[in-house]
Protein backbone atom coordinates (compact mmCIF):
# COMPACT_ATOMS: atom_id res chain seq x y z
CA MET A 1 13.02 5.99 -1.24
CA GLU A 2 16.16 7.44 -2.75
CA GLU A 3 17.80 4.02 -2.74
CA PHE A 4 14.62 2.53 -4.35
CA GLN A 5 14.80 5.21 -7.04
CA LYS A 6 18.51 4.61 -7.80
CA TYR A 7 18.13 0.81 -7.80
CA ASN A 8 15.20 0.80 -10.21
CA ARG A 9 16.86 3.26 -12.57
CA ARG A 10 19.91 0.98 -12.73
CA ASN A 11 17.68 -2.08 -13.03
CA PHE A 12 15.64 -0.59 -15.90
CA ILE A 13 18.76 0.36 -17.86
CA ARG A 14 20.15 -3.14 -17.33
CA GLN A 15 16.90 -4.66 -18.62
CA ILE A 16 17.03 -2.61 -21.82
CA GLY A 17 20.47 -4.02 -22.45
CA LEU A 18 19.26 -7.57 -21.92
CA ALA A 19 15.98 -7.25 -23.71
CA GLY A 20 17.45 -7.73 -27.19
CA GLY A 21 18.84 -11.11 -26.25
CA ALA A 22 15.62 -12.19 -24.59
CA LEU A 23 13.55 -11.24 -27.58
CA ALA A 24 15.83 -12.98 -30.03
CA LEU A 25 14.05 -16.13 -28.97
CA THR A 26 10.66 -14.71 -29.86
CA SER A 27 9.56 -15.09 -33.44
CA ILE A 28 6.77 -13.17 -35.16
CA PRO A 29 5.31 -14.98 -38.21
CA THR A 30 5.62 -12.75 -41.26
CA ASP A 31 4.13 -15.21 -43.73
CA LEU A 32 0.94 -13.15 -44.03
CA LEU A 33 2.19 -10.61 -46.57
CA ALA A 34 -0.08 -8.30 -48.50
CA GLY A 35 -0.07 -8.66 -52.22
CA ALA A 36 -0.10 -5.97 -54.87
CA GLY A 37 -3.80 -5.35 -54.50
CA GLN A 38 -3.81 -5.47 -50.72
CA THR A 39 -2.78 -3.36 -47.75
CA LYS A 40 -1.65 -4.84 -44.43
CA ILE A 41 -2.33 -3.00 -41.19
CA THR A 42 -0.74 -4.34 -38.00
CA ILE A 43 -2.56 -3.44 -34.77
CA LEU A 44 -0.55 -3.86 -31.51
CA HIS A 45 -2.36 -3.44 -28.24
CA THR A 46 -2.06 -3.61 -24.48
CA ASN A 47 -4.40 -3.14 -21.52
CA ASP A 48 -4.28 -2.98 -17.70
CA THR A 49 -0.50 -2.70 -17.56
CA HIS A 50 -0.87 -1.29 -13.96
CA SER A 51 2.47 0.45 -13.59
CA ARG A 52 4.43 -2.80 -14.29
CA ILE A 53 7.66 -1.26 -15.42
CA ASP A 54 9.80 -4.22 -14.40
CA PRO A 55 9.12 -7.90 -15.20
CA PHE A 56 7.26 -9.88 -12.60
CA PRO A 57 9.63 -11.28 -9.92
CA ALA A 58 11.09 -14.70 -10.72
CA SER A 59 9.40 -15.94 -7.55
CA ASP A 60 5.88 -15.09 -8.77
CA PRO A 61 3.99 -18.46 -8.93
CA LYS A 62 2.10 -17.62 -12.15
CA PHE A 63 3.97 -14.92 -14.02
CA GLY A 64 7.57 -15.18 -12.81
CA GLY A 65 9.99 -13.33 -15.12
CA MET A 66 7.24 -12.25 -17.49
CA GLY A 67 6.55 -8.77 -18.86
CA GLY A 68 8.60 -5.62 -18.44
CA VAL A 69 8.58 -2.38 -20.40
CA ALA A 70 12.09 -2.81 -21.79
CA ARG A 71 11.18 -6.14 -23.42
CA ARG A 72 7.89 -4.74 -24.71
CA MET A 73 9.72 -1.83 -26.25
CA GLN A 74 12.23 -4.13 -27.99
CA LEU A 75 9.44 -6.29 -29.32
CA ILE A 76 7.50 -3.34 -30.64
CA ASN A 77 10.56 -1.93 -32.33
CA LYS A 78 11.26 -5.34 -33.91
CA ILE A 79 7.74 -5.51 -35.34
CA ARG A 80 8.02 -1.95 -36.66
CA SER A 81 11.23 -2.91 -38.41
CA GLU A 82 9.37 -5.76 -40.21
CA GLU A 83 6.01 -4.06 -40.97
CA LYS A 84 5.22 -0.78 -42.74
CA ASN A 85 1.81 0.04 -41.20
CA VAL A 86 1.86 -0.43 -37.41
CA VAL A 87 -0.64 1.15 -34.99
CA LEU A 88 -0.01 0.85 -31.16
CA LEU A 89 -2.92 1.25 -28.79
CA ASP A 90 -3.84 0.87 -25.10
CA SER A 91 -7.17 0.24 -23.39
CA GLY A 92 -6.62 1.81 -20.01
CA ASP A 93 -5.57 1.20 -16.40
CA ILE A 94 -2.07 2.42 -17.09
CA PHE A 95 -1.71 3.51 -13.45
CA GLN A 96 -1.67 1.73 -10.04
CA GLY A 97 -0.03 -1.54 -9.01
CA THR A 98 3.63 -0.92 -8.18
CA PRO A 99 5.70 1.57 -6.16
CA TYR A 100 6.53 3.36 -9.41
CA PHE A 101 3.04 4.86 -9.43
CA ASN A 102 3.13 5.71 -5.73
CA TYR A 103 6.39 7.53 -6.13
CA TYR A 104 6.11 9.18 -9.60
CA GLY A 105 2.31 9.57 -9.83
CA GLY A 106 2.12 8.15 -13.34
CA GLU A 107 4.82 10.29 -14.90
CA LEU A 108 7.10 7.36 -15.66
CA GLU A 109 4.33 5.26 -17.20
CA ILE A 110 3.26 8.03 -19.56
CA LYS A 111 6.85 8.91 -20.55
CA LEU A 112 7.58 5.32 -21.39
CA MET A 113 4.40 5.03 -23.52
CA SER A 114 5.50 8.09 -25.36
CA ALA A 115 8.96 6.54 -25.89
CA MET A 116 7.28 3.44 -27.31
CA LYS A 117 5.25 5.74 -29.63
CA TYR A 118 1.75 4.77 -28.68
CA ASP A 119 -0.76 6.15 -31.12
CA ALA A 120 -3.68 6.45 -28.69
CA ALA A 121 -5.05 5.19 -25.38
CA THR A 122 -8.23 5.38 -23.32
CA MET A 123 -8.68 5.82 -19.56
CA GLY A 124 -9.42 3.06 -17.10
CA ASN A 125 -10.92 3.47 -13.65
CA HIS A 126 -7.45 3.25 -11.99
CA ASP A 127 -6.25 6.09 -14.12
CA PHE A 128 -8.37 8.29 -11.82
CA ASP A 129 -6.57 7.07 -8.68
CA ALA A 130 -4.56 10.24 -8.33
CA GLY A 131 -7.67 12.29 -9.12
CA ILE A 132 -8.54 14.38 -12.14
CA ASP A 133 -5.77 16.85 -11.22
CA GLY A 134 -3.21 14.04 -10.89
CA PHE A 135 -4.04 12.73 -14.32
CA ALA A 136 -4.07 16.15 -15.87
CA LYS A 137 -0.63 16.81 -14.39
CA GLN A 138 0.80 13.90 -16.42
CA LEU A 139 -0.77 14.79 -19.77
CA PRO A 140 2.11 17.04 -20.90
CA HIS A 141 4.28 13.92 -20.95
CA ALA A 142 1.98 12.18 -23.44
CA ASN A 143 2.87 12.36 -27.10
CA PHE A 144 -0.37 10.58 -27.92
CA PRO A 145 -4.06 11.42 -27.30
CA PHE A 146 -6.38 9.95 -24.72
CA LEU A 147 -9.71 9.00 -26.33
CA CYS A 148 -12.63 9.21 -23.89
CA SER A 149 -15.84 9.31 -25.87
CA ASN A 150 -18.37 8.65 -23.09
CA TYR A 151 -16.79 10.76 -20.35
CA ASP A 152 -17.85 14.40 -20.34
CA PHE A 153 -15.07 16.37 -18.70
CA THR A 154 -16.56 19.81 -19.42
CA ASN A 155 -16.54 20.96 -15.77
CA THR A 156 -13.18 19.45 -14.83
CA LEU A 157 -9.48 20.07 -15.30
CA LEU A 158 -9.55 17.65 -18.26
CA ALA A 159 -11.91 19.84 -20.26
CA GLY A 160 -10.56 19.97 -23.84
CA LYS A 161 -7.62 17.70 -23.02
CA THR A 162 -9.05 14.44 -24.36
CA GLN A 163 -10.54 13.54 -27.73
CA ASN A 164 -13.67 11.68 -28.82
CA TYR A 165 -11.85 9.90 -31.56
CA LYS A 166 -8.76 9.89 -33.75
CA ILE A 167 -8.27 8.91 -37.38
CA ILE A 168 -4.97 7.41 -38.56
CA GLU A 169 -4.22 6.94 -42.26
CA LYS A 170 -1.88 4.25 -43.52
CA GLU A 171 -1.47 3.83 -47.30
CA ASN A 172 -4.89 5.32 -47.93
CA ILE A 173 -6.50 3.05 -45.35
CA ARG A 174 -8.38 5.13 -42.81
CA ILE A 175 -8.49 3.75 -39.29
CA GLY A 176 -11.03 5.35 -36.88
CA ILE A 177 -10.35 4.86 -33.17
CA PHE A 178 -12.50 5.91 -30.19
CA GLY A 179 -12.56 5.06 -26.48
CA LEU A 180 -15.16 3.99 -23.96
CA GLY A 181 -14.78 3.99 -20.15
CA ILE A 182 -16.56 2.10 -17.43
CA GLU A 183 -19.09 3.74 -15.10
CA LEU A 184 -17.09 5.36 -12.29
CA GLN A 185 -19.81 5.77 -9.70
CA GLY A 186 -19.52 3.01 -7.10
CA LEU A 187 -16.14 1.93 -8.51
CA VAL A 188 -14.00 5.03 -7.94
CA ASP A 189 -14.12 7.50 -5.07
CA GLU A 190 -16.21 10.46 -6.21
CA LYS A 191 -13.58 12.96 -5.17
CA CYS A 192 -11.21 11.33 -7.73
CA TYR A 193 -13.45 11.88 -10.76
CA GLY A 194 -15.24 15.00 -9.59
CA LYS A 195 -17.82 16.42 -11.99
CA THR A 196 -17.07 13.89 -14.78
CA ILE A 197 -20.38 12.93 -16.46
CA TYR A 198 -20.70 9.33 -17.62
CA LYS A 199 -22.61 8.83 -20.87
CA ASN A 200 -24.26 5.62 -22.03
CA PRO A 201 -21.53 3.65 -23.81
CA LEU A 202 -23.83 1.87 -26.29
CA ASP A 203 -25.47 5.09 -27.48
CA THR A 204 -22.12 6.85 -27.64
CA ALA A 205 -20.43 3.99 -29.52
CA ASN A 206 -23.14 3.75 -32.17
CA VAL A 207 -23.15 7.47 -32.87
CA ILE A 208 -19.35 7.74 -33.11
CA ALA A 209 -18.83 4.50 -35.01
CA LYS A 210 -21.48 5.49 -37.55
CA ASN A 211 -19.81 8.86 -38.05
CA LEU A 212 -16.42 7.24 -38.46
CA LYS A 213 -17.71 4.73 -41.01
CA GLU A 214 -20.13 6.78 -43.02
CA ASN A 215 -18.95 10.36 -42.74
CA GLU A 216 -15.20 9.96 -42.15
CA ASN A 217 -14.98 7.01 -44.59
CA CYS A 218 -12.97 4.83 -42.25
CA ASN A 219 -12.10 1.38 -43.54
CA ILE A 220 -11.58 0.04 -40.03
CA VAL A 221 -13.27 1.24 -36.83
CA ILE A 222 -11.63 0.33 -33.54
CA CYS A 223 -13.03 0.82 -30.03
CA LEU A 224 -10.65 1.06 -27.08
CA SER A 225 -12.85 -0.24 -24.34
CA HIS A 226 -12.44 -0.39 -20.58
CA LEU A 227 -15.90 -1.81 -20.07
CA GLY A 228 -14.80 -5.39 -19.35
CA TYR A 229 -15.07 -8.48 -21.52
CA ARG A 230 -18.26 -10.17 -20.25
CA TYR A 231 -20.50 -10.28 -17.19
CA ASP A 232 -22.45 -13.50 -17.07
CA GLY A 233 -25.97 -13.12 -15.69
CA SER A 234 -25.71 -9.34 -15.64
CA LYS A 235 -27.11 -6.60 -17.86
CA LYS A 236 -23.97 -4.54 -17.35
CA VAL A 237 -22.57 -3.23 -20.60
CA SER A 238 -19.46 -5.26 -21.64
CA ASP A 239 -17.42 -5.77 -24.75
CA ALA A 240 -19.59 -8.76 -25.68
CA VAL A 241 -22.71 -6.64 -25.33
CA LEU A 242 -21.17 -3.77 -27.27
CA ALA A 243 -20.18 -6.10 -30.09
CA GLU A 244 -23.63 -7.56 -30.42
CA GLN A 245 -25.52 -4.27 -30.13
CA SER A 246 -23.47 -2.11 -32.46
CA ASP A 247 -23.29 -2.00 -36.24
CA ASN A 248 -20.16 -0.17 -37.37
CA ILE A 249 -17.30 -1.42 -35.13
CA ASP A 250 -14.78 -3.89 -36.56
CA LEU A 251 -12.58 -4.42 -33.54
CA ILE A 252 -12.97 -3.92 -29.76
CA LEU A 253 -9.74 -3.86 -27.80
CA GLY A 254 -10.85 -4.44 -24.22
CA GLY A 255 -9.62 -4.08 -20.66
CA HIS A 256 -10.70 -3.97 -17.03
CA THR A 257 -11.54 -7.64 -16.47
CA HIS A 258 -7.91 -8.80 -16.98
CA THR A 259 -9.11 -11.42 -19.43
CA PHE A 260 -6.40 -13.40 -21.22
CA LEU A 261 -7.63 -14.11 -24.75
CA ASP A 262 -5.24 -16.18 -26.85
CA GLU A 263 -7.00 -14.93 -29.95
CA PRO A 264 -9.82 -12.47 -30.71
CA VAL A 265 -13.34 -13.74 -30.12
CA ALA A 266 -15.72 -13.09 -33.03
CA PHE A 267 -19.26 -11.80 -32.41
CA LYS A 268 -22.10 -10.92 -34.78
CA ASN A 269 -23.29 -7.32 -34.71
CA LEU A 270 -26.74 -5.96 -35.40
CA LYS A 271 -26.18 -6.33 -39.14
CA GLY A 272 -24.83 -9.87 -38.83
CA ASN A 273 -21.29 -8.73 -39.54
CA LYS A 274 -18.24 -9.93 -37.64
CA VAL A 275 -16.85 -7.94 -34.70
CA LEU A 276 -13.58 -9.01 -33.10
CA VAL A 277 -12.98 -8.60 -29.37
CA ALA A 278 -9.45 -8.91 -27.99
CA GLN A 279 -7.84 -8.46 -24.61
CA THR A 280 -4.32 -9.20 -23.26
CA GLY A 281 -4.91 -9.90 -19.57
CA PHE A 282 -2.87 -7.49 -17.40
CA GLY A 283 0.55 -6.40 -16.22
CA GLY A 284 2.12 -6.08 -19.68
CA ILE A 285 2.54 -9.85 -19.81
CA ARG A 286 1.38 -10.00 -23.43
CA LEU A 287 1.46 -7.79 -26.48
CA GLY A 288 -1.63 -8.26 -28.61
CA ARG A 289 -1.20 -8.31 -32.36
CA ILE A 290 -3.88 -8.40 -35.11
CA ASP A 291 -2.96 -8.07 -38.78
CA PHE A 292 -5.71 -6.78 -41.06
CA ILE A 293 -5.47 -7.36 -44.81
CA ILE A 294 -7.65 -4.95 -46.81
CA GLU A 295 -8.44 -5.66 -50.49
CA LYS A 296 -7.97 -2.34 -52.24
CA LYS A 297 -10.69 -2.87 -54.83
CA SER A 298 -13.41 -4.59 -52.84
CA GLY A 299 -12.59 -3.25 -49.40
CA LYS A 300 -12.93 -6.77 -48.00
CA ILE A 301 -11.12 -7.23 -44.70
CA SER A 302 -9.50 -10.41 -43.37
CA HIS A 303 -7.30 -10.83 -40.32
CA LYS A 304 -4.70 -12.95 -38.57
CA ASN A 305 -3.68 -12.64 -34.98
CA ASN A 306 -0.48 -13.40 -33.07
CA THR A 307 -0.66 -12.38 -29.38
CA VAL A 308 2.87 -12.63 -28.00
CA LYS A 309 3.91 -13.48 -24.46
CA ILE A 310 6.64 -11.16 -23.22
CA SER A 311 9.14 -13.37 -21.39
């Protein structure tokens, strides 16, 4: 294990050195520039990274050489150097999938997310794999909040250590962000989530989104969801169901189903307004990007997306 630790530390440092050259081949369109009466907000997002610190092995038949935290970090820094108003978010399942998690218990993943300056994340079912106490142990390494609106942690070690929502302000544009987790019963060993109480995600979402829109005066409301994109032939709550049965959410950044969406899918909500749903697959293979343009006078919002493969 000591040799594994030394090798991967050397390997990670080497990747950081190489990442700049690899990303020089990746171009981010910057033609969508906000005018004098507009504000541009750039949303970057990931989901289901599953402890993928290194790129996939070159021998992997589908994703050979793709991903890697070093490359993602370089890409995020590049975008931040080009754009003024960047928000970086994650939709859960940060843990589980490589020996890094088995050895470090999630510490490395959280420290790297802090180094990349994530603004917020939500919890996925695999983030409970080391138990409530295992997750709580890693929270001091997080320089960003975990948003878990429909998990009641009152009688657990996570009591008071997560938030229902967060508001970020960029050039007088208020961005309200909240998180929704999947039902844990039957999916996660009960001893791992303990006395966590699962609350109905639709009811929770509508209450929080309404508060963010009407009381907190948020221009954009974003849900970090680990519910899953869609379940055909099932009444299970998904991002598609949430989009159609809500009325104050503008963007749902999903996870859990490892769905690769090349661009956000537009749904109509209860008021007939557009809700975007986006997801980047898994393993840190892609970095999602959505640029919102907000008209300062009318408040009208338009968007352009550019999900980027990390290779």
